[in-house]
Amino acid sequence: MAARIAIVEDTETIADELERVIKTDPDLTCIGKFGSAELAIRKLPALMPDLCILDIGLPGMNGIAALKILRKKLPQMKIVVFTVFEDSEYIIDAIQNGASGY
């Protein structure tokens, strides 16, 4: 069975490119793209993804705050933080809050 991946990214072109890359591998499937943390938090529990690619710089709730909530709602889901931020504080914060990778 293909790994189920969700994308939480507010920049549509980036989300589309991530989805395109995921679709090149028959062992992966993109189960949804979400432009905000709030929407992802509402929708992901019903979709049960194996992995979430999560942007930090989201409008409204940021990715670190969403990470904390998603980790509690979906403890089995892996979360990879995806961002342009290179600040070590973001990396440490993401890993301390349960990110599987950065």
Protein backbone atom coordinates (compact mmCIF):
# COMPACT_ATOMS: atom_id res chain seq x y z
CA MET A 1 0.00 0.00 0.00
CA ALA A 2 1.28 3.46 -0.90
CA ALA A 3 2.35 5.84 1.87
CA ARG A 4 -0.29 8.55 2.33
CA ILE A 5 1.14 12.08 2.36
CA ALA A 6 -0.52 15.40 3.21
CA ILE A 7 0.92 18.79 2.30
CA VAL A 8 0.35 21.89 4.44
CA GLU A 9 1.74 24.79 2.40
CA ASP A 10 0.18 28.18 1.67
CA THR A 11 2.11 28.90 -1.54
CA GLU A 12 0.12 27.11 -4.21
CA THR A 13 3.00 26.70 -6.66
CA ILE A 14 5.15 25.05 -3.98
CA ALA A 15 2.31 22.78 -2.87
CA ASP A 16 1.66 21.80 -6.50
CA GLU A 17 5.35 21.02 -7.07
CA LEU A 18 5.52 18.88 -3.93
CA GLU A 19 2.44 17.00 -5.10
CA ARG A 20 3.99 16.52 -8.55
CA VAL A 21 7.16 15.05 -7.01
CA ILE A 22 5.14 12.75 -4.76
CA LYS A 23 3.15 11.48 -7.75
CA THR A 24 6.36 10.37 -9.51
CA ASP A 25 6.75 7.55 -6.98
CA PRO A 26 4.18 4.74 -7.19
CA ASP A 27 4.76 3.97 -3.50
CA LEU A 28 3.52 7.44 -2.48
CA THR A 29 0.15 9.15 -2.77
CA CYS A 30 -0.83 12.72 -1.98
CA ILE A 31 -4.09 12.64 -0.04
CA GLY A 32 -4.53 16.38 0.20
CA LYS A 33 -3.07 19.88 0.11
CA PHE A 34 -4.01 22.44 2.73
CA GLY A 35 -3.22 26.15 2.62
CA SER A 36 -3.55 26.77 6.35
CA ALA A 37 -2.77 25.06 9.63
CA GLU A 38 -6.35 25.51 10.79
CA LEU A 39 -7.75 23.63 7.78
CA ALA A 40 -5.18 20.85 8.12
CA ILE A 41 -5.96 20.41 11.83
CA ARG A 42 -9.67 20.04 10.98
CA LYS A 43 -9.26 17.68 8.02
CA LEU A 44 -6.20 15.48 8.68
CA PRO A 45 -7.62 13.31 11.50
CA ALA A 46 -10.25 11.88 9.13
CA LEU A 47 -7.69 11.33 6.35
CA MET A 48 -5.12 9.52 8.54
CA PRO A 49 -1.96 10.38 6.58
CA ASP A 50 1.30 8.53 7.21
CA LEU A 51 3.32 11.69 6.67
CA CYS A 52 2.64 15.42 6.72
CA ILE A 53 4.90 17.93 4.99
CA LEU A 54 4.33 21.05 7.09
CA ASP A 55 5.40 24.61 6.27
CA ILE A 56 6.37 26.83 9.23
CA GLY A 57 5.48 30.18 7.67
CA LEU A 58 1.74 29.79 7.30
CA PRO A 59 -0.88 32.55 7.48
CA GLY A 60 -2.80 32.55 10.76
CA MET A 61 -1.48 29.77 12.95
CA ASN A 62 2.17 29.02 12.18
CA GLY A 63 3.56 25.57 11.53
CA ILE A 64 5.17 25.13 14.95
CA ALA A 65 1.83 25.74 16.72
CA ALA A 66 0.15 23.37 14.26
CA LEU A 67 2.85 20.76 14.84
CA LYS A 68 2.04 20.68 18.56
CA ILE A 69 -1.66 20.12 17.88
CA LEU A 70 -1.16 17.60 15.07
CA ARG A 71 1.29 15.61 17.19
CA LYS A 72 -1.45 15.19 19.85
CA LYS A 73 -4.26 14.44 17.36
CA LEU A 74 -2.23 12.08 15.15
CA PRO A 75 0.66 10.67 17.21
CA GLN A 76 1.43 7.96 14.65
CA MET A 77 1.82 10.45 11.77
CA LYS A 78 5.35 11.52 10.81
CA ILE A 79 5.76 15.26 10.35
CA VAL A 80 8.50 16.80 8.25
CA VAL A 81 8.86 20.56 8.60
CA PHE A 82 9.37 22.21 5.23
CA THR A 83 10.46 25.84 5.18
CA VAL A 84 12.84 28.46 3.84
CA PHE A 85 13.83 29.44 7.38
CA GLU A 86 17.39 28.39 8.20
CA ASP A 87 17.36 29.73 11.76
CA SER A 88 18.53 27.03 14.18
CA GLU A 89 15.87 28.19 16.67
CA TYR A 90 13.15 27.02 14.25
CA ILE A 91 14.89 23.68 13.77
CA ILE A 92 15.28 23.09 17.51
CA ASP A 93 11.71 24.19 18.21
CA ALA A 94 10.34 21.89 15.50
CA ILE A 95 12.30 18.84 16.68
CA GLN A 96 11.47 19.51 20.36
CA ASN A 97 7.79 19.63 19.45
CA GLY A 98 7.78 16.30 17.66
CA ALA A 99 8.88 16.89 14.07
CA SER A 100 10.31 13.76 12.48
CA GLY A 101 12.56 15.85 10.24
CA TYR A 102 13.32 19.33 9.00
